Amino acid sequence: MKRIIFSFTFLVCLFLMSSEVSAQKNTSNNSSVEVLYFHGKQRCMTCRAIEKVTREALSQYFAKEMKAGKVKFRVIDISLPQNEKIAEKYQVTWSSLYINQWKGRKEQVNNLTEQAFANARTNPDKFKSIVRQKVLSLLK
C-alpha cells in the first residue's frame, strides 16, 4: 500500500512539475508592450495632450495589437490610494509616460516623459512618431 501511495504521489509531482515548466515556457515566449500614462488629480493642458495623443497613436498604429492584447494602454491616477504601489514602483510623483516591454515576467522599462512633455501639445505628429517607433521596436 505504501508503494502505491508513494508511486501515485511521485507521478502527481512529476505531472505538476512538467505543467509548471510548460507554463513557464509559454509565458516566456509571450511578449507584450504596456503603455502607462500616470497623472495626478489636477492636469494641465500638456498632461491632457499626452494622454490624448498617446491614445491616438496607439489606436491609429496598433489597433490590431491592442485587440490581441500585445499592446496595452493604462491610464493611472496617482492621487488614488489604489494606485500608490504602482506609482511607487515607477517612482512617479507627477504626470509621466512609460512604454515598457514584457517578456514573460521580465520588464524593460522605458521612460518617455521628457519626450512627451516636449512634443505632445506643440508637435503632436512628432510625438505620435516617437510613440510609434518605441512600440514597434519593443514588439520585435
N, C-alpha and C. Protein backbone atom coordinates (compact mmCIF):
# COMPACT_ATOMS: atom_id res chain seq x y z
N MET A 1 0.82 -1.20 0.00
CA MET A 1 0.00 0.00 0.00
C MET A 1 0.87 1.27 0.00
N LYS A 2 1.96 1.22 0.79
CA LYS A 2 2.86 2.37 0.85
C LYS A 2 3.48 2.64 -0.52
N ARG A 3 3.81 1.57 -1.24
CA ARG A 3 4.40 1.72 -2.57
C ARG A 3 3.42 2.38 -3.53
N ILE A 4 2.18 2.00 -3.44
CA ILE A 4 1.14 2.58 -4.32
C ILE A 4 0.99 4.07 -4.03
N ILE A 5 0.92 4.42 -2.76
CA ILE A 5 0.78 5.83 -2.38
C ILE A 5 2.01 6.61 -2.81
N PHE A 6 3.19 6.04 -2.58
CA PHE A 6 4.43 6.71 -2.98
C PHE A 6 4.47 6.90 -4.50
N SER A 7 4.13 5.85 -5.24
CA SER A 7 4.15 5.92 -6.71
C SER A 7 3.16 6.97 -7.21
N PHE A 8 1.99 6.96 -6.64
CA PHE A 8 0.97 7.93 -7.04
C PHE A 8 1.44 9.37 -6.75
N THR A 9 1.99 9.57 -5.55
CA THR A 9 2.49 10.89 -5.17
C THR A 9 3.62 11.32 -6.10
N PHE A 10 4.50 10.41 -6.42
CA PHE A 10 5.61 10.70 -7.32
C PHE A 10 5.11 11.11 -8.70
N LEU A 11 4.15 10.37 -9.23
CA LEU A 11 3.59 10.69 -10.55
C LEU A 11 2.88 12.04 -10.56
N VAL A 12 2.15 12.35 -9.50
CA VAL A 12 1.47 13.65 -9.40
C VAL A 12 2.51 14.77 -9.38
N CYS A 13 3.57 14.59 -8.62
CA CYS A 13 4.63 15.61 -8.56
C CYS A 13 5.27 15.81 -9.93
N LEU A 14 5.56 14.71 -10.62
CA LEU A 14 6.14 14.82 -11.97
C LEU A 14 5.20 15.58 -12.91
N PHE A 15 3.93 15.25 -12.85
CA PHE A 15 2.95 15.92 -13.70
C PHE A 15 2.89 17.42 -13.39
N LEU A 16 2.86 17.77 -12.12
CA LEU A 16 2.79 19.18 -11.73
C LEU A 16 4.05 19.93 -12.16
N MET A 17 5.20 19.31 -12.01
CA MET A 17 6.45 19.95 -12.42
C MET A 17 6.47 20.15 -13.92
N SER A 18 6.02 19.16 -14.66
CA SER A 18 6.01 19.27 -16.12
C SER A 18 5.03 20.35 -16.57
N SER A 19 3.89 20.46 -15.91
CA SER A 19 2.91 21.51 -16.25
C SER A 19 3.49 22.89 -15.97
N GLU A 20 4.21 23.01 -14.85
CA GLU A 20 4.80 24.29 -14.48
C GLU A 20 5.86 24.72 -15.48
N VAL A 21 6.69 23.78 -15.92
CA VAL A 21 7.73 24.08 -16.91
C VAL A 21 7.09 24.52 -18.22
N SER A 22 6.04 23.81 -18.65
CA SER A 22 5.34 24.19 -19.89
C SER A 22 4.75 25.58 -19.77
N ALA A 23 4.16 25.89 -18.64
CA ALA A 23 3.57 27.22 -18.44
C ALA A 23 4.64 28.29 -18.48
N GLN A 24 5.82 28.02 -17.88
CA GLN A 24 6.90 29.00 -17.91
C GLN A 24 7.40 29.21 -19.32
N LYS A 25 7.51 28.14 -20.11
CA LYS A 25 7.96 28.29 -21.49
C LYS A 25 6.97 29.10 -22.29
N ASN A 26 5.68 28.84 -22.11
CA ASN A 26 4.65 29.60 -22.83
C ASN A 26 4.66 31.05 -22.42
N THR A 27 4.86 31.31 -21.13
CA THR A 27 4.90 32.69 -20.64
C THR A 27 6.12 33.41 -21.19
N SER A 28 7.27 32.74 -21.23
CA SER A 28 8.49 33.42 -21.67
C SER A 28 8.44 33.75 -23.16
N ASN A 29 7.67 32.98 -23.93
CA ASN A 29 7.54 33.27 -25.35
C ASN A 29 6.57 34.43 -25.60
N ASN A 30 5.72 34.70 -24.64
CA ASN A 30 4.76 35.77 -24.79
C ASN A 30 5.42 37.09 -24.44
N SER A 31 5.42 38.01 -25.39
CA SER A 31 5.92 39.33 -25.09
C SER A 31 4.83 40.33 -25.42
N SER A 32 4.83 41.42 -24.68
CA SER A 32 3.84 42.45 -24.91
C SER A 32 4.44 43.80 -24.56
N VAL A 33 3.72 44.83 -24.95
CA VAL A 33 4.12 46.20 -24.65
C VAL A 33 3.02 46.82 -23.80
N GLU A 34 3.44 47.44 -22.72
CA GLU A 34 2.49 48.09 -21.82
C GLU A 34 2.81 49.58 -21.78
N VAL A 35 1.83 50.38 -22.15
CA VAL A 35 1.98 51.84 -22.14
C VAL A 35 1.26 52.34 -20.91
N LEU A 36 2.01 53.01 -20.04
CA LEU A 36 1.46 53.51 -18.78
C LEU A 36 1.51 55.04 -18.78
N TYR A 37 0.34 55.65 -18.67
CA TYR A 37 0.29 57.11 -18.54
C TYR A 37 -0.18 57.42 -17.12
N PHE A 38 0.68 58.05 -16.35
CA PHE A 38 0.38 58.43 -14.97
C PHE A 38 -0.01 59.91 -14.92
N HIS A 39 -1.00 60.22 -14.09
CA HIS A 39 -1.36 61.62 -13.90
C HIS A 39 -1.90 61.82 -12.48
N GLY A 40 -1.90 63.06 -12.06
CA GLY A 40 -2.45 63.40 -10.76
C GLY A 40 -3.88 63.87 -10.89
N LYS A 41 -4.41 64.36 -9.79
CA LYS A 41 -5.80 64.81 -9.77
C LYS A 41 -6.01 66.02 -10.68
N GLN A 42 -5.10 66.98 -10.60
CA GLN A 42 -5.20 68.16 -11.45
C GLN A 42 -4.25 68.00 -12.62
N ARG A 43 -4.77 68.32 -13.82
CA ARG A 43 -3.97 68.10 -15.03
C ARG A 43 -3.97 69.36 -15.89
N CYS A 44 -2.78 69.71 -16.36
CA CYS A 44 -2.63 70.87 -17.24
C CYS A 44 -2.95 70.47 -18.68
N MET A 45 -2.91 71.43 -19.58
CA MET A 45 -3.21 71.15 -20.99
C MET A 45 -2.21 70.16 -21.59
N THR A 46 -0.94 70.28 -21.22
CA THR A 46 0.07 69.37 -21.73
C THR A 46 -0.16 67.95 -21.23
N CYS A 47 -0.50 67.82 -19.96
CA CYS A 47 -0.78 66.50 -19.40
C CYS A 47 -1.95 65.83 -20.13
N ARG A 48 -2.97 66.59 -20.39
CA ARG A 48 -4.13 66.05 -21.12
C ARG A 48 -3.74 65.68 -22.56
N ALA A 49 -2.87 66.49 -23.15
CA ALA A 49 -2.42 66.22 -24.52
C ALA A 49 -1.60 64.92 -24.58
N ILE A 50 -0.81 64.67 -23.56
CA ILE A 50 -0.01 63.44 -23.54
C ILE A 50 -0.93 62.23 -23.62
N GLU A 51 -1.95 62.20 -22.78
CA GLU A 51 -2.89 61.07 -22.82
C GLU A 51 -3.59 60.99 -24.17
N LYS A 52 -4.10 62.11 -24.65
CA LYS A 52 -4.87 62.14 -25.89
C LYS A 52 -4.03 61.67 -27.09
N VAL A 53 -2.85 62.23 -27.24
CA VAL A 53 -2.01 61.91 -28.40
C VAL A 53 -1.47 60.48 -28.30
N THR A 54 -1.15 60.02 -27.09
CA THR A 54 -0.71 58.64 -26.92
C THR A 54 -1.83 57.68 -27.32
N ARG A 55 -3.03 57.95 -26.84
CA ARG A 55 -4.18 57.11 -27.18
C ARG A 55 -4.41 57.10 -28.70
N GLU A 56 -4.31 58.29 -29.33
CA GLU A 56 -4.49 58.38 -30.78
C GLU A 56 -3.44 57.56 -31.52
N ALA A 57 -2.19 57.68 -31.11
CA ALA A 57 -1.11 56.95 -31.77
C ALA A 57 -1.31 55.45 -31.65
N LEU A 58 -1.68 54.99 -30.47
CA LEU A 58 -1.88 53.56 -30.26
C LEU A 58 -3.05 53.04 -31.08
N SER A 59 -4.15 53.77 -31.09
CA SER A 59 -5.30 53.27 -31.86
C SER A 59 -5.07 53.41 -33.36
N GLN A 60 -4.29 54.39 -33.78
CA GLN A 60 -4.00 54.58 -35.20
C GLN A 60 -3.05 53.52 -35.73
N TYR A 61 -2.01 53.22 -34.98
CA TYR A 61 -0.97 52.31 -35.47
C TYR A 61 -1.02 50.89 -34.91
N PHE A 62 -1.69 50.70 -33.78
CA PHE A 62 -1.62 49.40 -33.12
C PHE A 62 -2.98 48.85 -32.68
N ALA A 63 -4.02 49.18 -33.41
CA ALA A 63 -5.37 48.71 -33.05
C ALA A 63 -5.43 47.19 -33.01
N LYS A 64 -4.84 46.54 -34.00
CA LYS A 64 -4.84 45.08 -34.08
C LYS A 64 -4.09 44.47 -32.88
N GLU A 65 -2.93 45.03 -32.56
CA GLU A 65 -2.13 44.52 -31.44
C GLU A 65 -2.82 44.78 -30.10
N MET A 66 -3.53 45.89 -30.00
CA MET A 66 -4.27 46.17 -28.77
C MET A 66 -5.42 45.17 -28.60
N LYS A 67 -6.10 44.90 -29.67
CA LYS A 67 -7.21 43.94 -29.61
C LYS A 67 -6.71 42.55 -29.23
N ALA A 68 -5.51 42.21 -29.70
CA ALA A 68 -4.92 40.90 -29.41
C ALA A 68 -4.25 40.85 -28.03
N GLY A 69 -4.15 41.99 -27.36
CA GLY A 69 -3.52 42.03 -26.04
C GLY A 69 -2.01 42.16 -26.09
N LYS A 70 -1.44 42.38 -27.27
CA LYS A 70 0.01 42.55 -27.40
C LYS A 70 0.45 43.94 -26.96
N VAL A 71 -0.44 44.92 -27.11
CA VAL A 71 -0.18 46.28 -26.66
C VAL A 71 -1.32 46.66 -25.71
N LYS A 72 -0.94 47.14 -24.54
CA LYS A 72 -1.93 47.53 -23.53
C LYS A 72 -1.69 48.98 -23.14
N PHE A 73 -2.76 49.70 -22.92
CA PHE A 73 -2.67 51.10 -22.51
C PHE A 73 -3.42 51.28 -21.20
N ARG A 74 -2.72 51.81 -20.21
CA ARG A 74 -3.33 52.05 -18.90
C ARG A 74 -3.15 53.51 -18.51
N VAL A 75 -4.22 54.11 -18.06
CA VAL A 75 -4.19 55.47 -17.52
C VAL A 75 -4.34 55.33 -16.02
N ILE A 76 -3.37 55.88 -15.29
CA ILE A 76 -3.30 55.65 -13.85
C ILE A 76 -3.29 56.99 -13.11
N ASP A 77 -4.30 57.20 -12.30
CA ASP A 77 -4.40 58.41 -11.49
C ASP A 77 -3.64 58.16 -10.19
N ILE A 78 -2.48 58.81 -10.04
CA ILE A 78 -1.62 58.55 -8.88
C ILE A 78 -2.16 59.17 -7.59
N SER A 79 -3.23 59.96 -7.69
CA SER A 79 -3.82 60.54 -6.47
C SER A 79 -4.76 59.56 -5.78
N LEU A 80 -5.07 58.44 -6.42
CA LEU A 80 -5.97 57.45 -5.83
C LEU A 80 -5.17 56.44 -5.00
N PRO A 81 -5.67 56.11 -3.83
CA PRO A 81 -4.95 55.17 -2.94
C PRO A 81 -4.64 53.82 -3.59
N GLN A 82 -5.53 53.32 -4.43
CA GLN A 82 -5.31 52.00 -5.04
C GLN A 82 -4.16 52.01 -6.04
N ASN A 83 -3.66 53.19 -6.42
CA ASN A 83 -2.56 53.28 -7.38
C ASN A 83 -1.22 53.63 -6.73
N GLU A 84 -1.19 53.65 -5.40
CA GLU A 84 0.04 54.01 -4.69
C GLU A 84 1.20 53.06 -5.01
N LYS A 85 0.93 51.77 -5.03
CA LYS A 85 2.01 50.79 -5.23
C LYS A 85 2.64 50.92 -6.61
N ILE A 86 1.83 51.08 -7.64
CA ILE A 86 2.40 51.19 -8.99
C ILE A 86 3.14 52.51 -9.15
N ALA A 87 2.64 53.57 -8.52
CA ALA A 87 3.35 54.86 -8.55
C ALA A 87 4.70 54.74 -7.85
N GLU A 88 4.73 54.03 -6.74
CA GLU A 88 5.99 53.80 -6.03
C GLU A 88 6.95 52.96 -6.87
N LYS A 89 6.42 51.93 -7.52
CA LYS A 89 7.26 51.05 -8.33
C LYS A 89 8.04 51.84 -9.38
N TYR A 90 7.35 52.78 -10.04
CA TYR A 90 8.00 53.57 -11.10
C TYR A 90 8.53 54.91 -10.58
N GLN A 91 8.40 55.14 -9.29
CA GLN A 91 8.85 56.38 -8.65
C GLN A 91 8.24 57.61 -9.32
N VAL A 92 6.93 57.53 -9.54
CA VAL A 92 6.18 58.58 -10.22
C VAL A 92 5.56 59.51 -9.19
N THR A 93 5.76 60.81 -9.37
CA THR A 93 5.15 61.79 -8.47
C THR A 93 4.33 62.83 -9.23
N TRP A 94 4.33 62.74 -10.55
CA TRP A 94 3.54 63.65 -11.38
C TRP A 94 3.32 62.99 -12.73
N SER A 95 2.75 63.69 -13.68
CA SER A 95 2.44 63.09 -14.98
C SER A 95 3.69 62.48 -15.60
N SER A 96 3.55 61.24 -16.06
CA SER A 96 4.66 60.50 -16.62
C SER A 96 4.15 59.51 -17.65
N LEU A 97 5.02 59.18 -18.61
CA LEU A 97 4.67 58.21 -19.63
C LEU A 97 5.78 57.16 -19.72
N TYR A 98 5.38 55.91 -19.59
CA TYR A 98 6.29 54.79 -19.72
C TYR A 98 5.78 53.86 -20.82
N ILE A 99 6.70 53.38 -21.64
CA ILE A 99 6.36 52.36 -22.63
C ILE A 99 7.31 51.20 -22.37
N ASN A 100 6.75 50.13 -21.82
CA ASN A 100 7.55 49.02 -21.31
C ASN A 100 7.31 47.74 -22.09
N GLN A 101 8.36 46.97 -22.21
CA GLN A 101 8.27 45.66 -22.86
C GLN A 101 8.25 44.59 -21.78
N TRP A 102 7.35 43.65 -21.95
CA TRP A 102 7.28 42.49 -21.06
C TRP A 102 7.59 41.24 -21.87
N LYS A 103 8.58 40.50 -21.42
CA LYS A 103 8.88 39.17 -21.99
C LYS A 103 8.79 38.21 -20.83
N GLY A 104 7.71 37.44 -20.83
CA GLY A 104 7.47 36.58 -19.67
C GLY A 104 7.24 37.47 -18.46
N ARG A 105 8.06 37.29 -17.46
CA ARG A 105 7.94 38.10 -16.24
C ARG A 105 8.99 39.20 -16.17
N LYS A 106 9.75 39.34 -17.22
CA LYS A 106 10.84 40.32 -17.25
C LYS A 106 10.37 41.59 -17.94
N GLU A 107 10.61 42.72 -17.29
CA GLU A 107 10.15 44.01 -17.79
C GLU A 107 11.34 44.89 -18.18
N GLN A 108 11.22 45.50 -19.35
CA GLN A 108 12.19 46.51 -19.78
C GLN A 108 11.46 47.85 -19.69
N VAL A 109 11.92 48.72 -18.80
CA VAL A 109 11.25 49.99 -18.53
C VAL A 109 11.83 51.09 -19.42
N ASN A 110 10.94 51.88 -20.04
CA ASN A 110 11.34 52.99 -20.90
C ASN A 110 10.54 54.23 -20.52
N ASN A 111 11.20 55.20 -19.96
CA ASN A 111 10.55 56.44 -19.53
C ASN A 111 10.57 57.45 -20.68
N LEU A 112 9.40 57.76 -21.21
CA LEU A 112 9.29 58.72 -22.31
C LEU A 112 8.68 60.05 -21.86
N THR A 113 8.73 60.32 -20.58
CA THR A 113 8.11 61.52 -20.03
C THR A 113 8.67 62.80 -20.65
N GLU A 114 9.97 62.87 -20.77
CA GLU A 114 10.60 64.08 -21.31
C GLU A 114 10.15 64.35 -22.75
N GLN A 115 10.15 63.31 -23.58
CA GLN A 115 9.70 63.48 -24.97
C GLN A 115 8.22 63.82 -25.03
N ALA A 116 7.45 63.26 -24.11
CA ALA A 116 6.01 63.54 -24.07
C ALA A 116 5.75 65.01 -23.77
N PHE A 117 6.40 65.54 -22.75
CA PHE A 117 6.18 66.94 -22.40
C PHE A 117 6.72 67.89 -23.47
N ALA A 118 7.78 67.49 -24.13
CA ALA A 118 8.38 68.36 -25.15
C ALA A 118 7.54 68.42 -26.43
N ASN A 119 6.73 67.40 -26.70
CA ASN A 119 6.09 67.33 -28.01
C ASN A 119 4.57 67.14 -28.04
N ALA A 120 3.97 66.59 -27.03
CA ALA A 120 2.56 66.19 -27.12
C ALA A 120 1.64 67.34 -27.51
N ARG A 121 1.86 68.50 -26.95
CA ARG A 121 0.97 69.63 -27.23
C ARG A 121 1.46 70.47 -28.40
N THR A 122 2.77 70.68 -28.49
CA THR A 122 3.31 71.59 -29.50
C THR A 122 3.61 70.92 -30.84
N ASN A 123 3.89 69.61 -30.80
CA ASN A 123 4.21 68.88 -32.03
C ASN A 123 3.66 67.46 -31.94
N PRO A 124 2.33 67.32 -31.96
CA PRO A 124 1.72 66.01 -31.75
C PRO A 124 2.12 64.96 -32.79
N ASP A 125 2.34 65.37 -34.03
CA ASP A 125 2.76 64.40 -35.04
C ASP A 125 4.12 63.80 -34.72
N LYS A 126 5.03 64.63 -34.26
CA LYS A 126 6.35 64.14 -33.85
C LYS A 126 6.21 63.19 -32.66
N PHE A 127 5.35 63.56 -31.72
CA PHE A 127 5.16 62.72 -30.55
C PHE A 127 4.53 61.38 -30.94
N LYS A 128 3.56 61.39 -31.84
CA LYS A 128 2.98 60.13 -32.32
C LYS A 128 4.05 59.25 -32.94
N SER A 129 4.94 59.86 -33.68
CA SER A 129 6.03 59.13 -34.32
C SER A 129 6.96 58.51 -33.26
N ILE A 130 7.24 59.25 -32.21
CA ILE A 130 8.09 58.74 -31.12
C ILE A 130 7.42 57.53 -30.47
N VAL A 131 6.13 57.65 -30.18
CA VAL A 131 5.39 56.55 -29.56
C VAL A 131 5.38 55.34 -30.50
N ARG A 132 5.09 55.59 -31.76
CA ARG A 132 5.03 54.51 -32.76
C ARG A 132 6.37 53.77 -32.85
N GLN A 133 7.45 54.52 -32.97
CA GLN A 133 8.77 53.90 -33.11
C GLN A 133 9.15 53.09 -31.87
N LYS A 134 8.84 53.62 -30.71
CA LYS A 134 9.19 52.90 -29.47
C LYS A 134 8.39 51.60 -29.37
N VAL A 135 7.10 51.66 -29.64
CA VAL A 135 6.28 50.46 -29.55
C VAL A 135 6.73 49.43 -30.60
N LEU A 136 6.97 49.89 -31.82
CA LEU A 136 7.45 48.98 -32.87
C LEU A 136 8.74 48.27 -32.45
N SER A 137 9.68 49.03 -31.89
CA SER A 137 10.96 48.44 -31.51
C SER A 137 10.77 47.41 -30.38
N LEU A 138 9.81 47.64 -29.52
CA LEU A 138 9.59 46.71 -28.40
C LEU A 138 8.77 45.49 -28.78
N LEU A 139 8.04 45.58 -29.87
CA LEU A 139 7.26 44.43 -30.33
C LEU A 139 8.12 43.40 -31.05
N LYS A 140 9.32 43.80 -31.49
CA LYS A 140 10.21 42.89 -32.23
C LYS A 140 10.80 41.83 -31.35
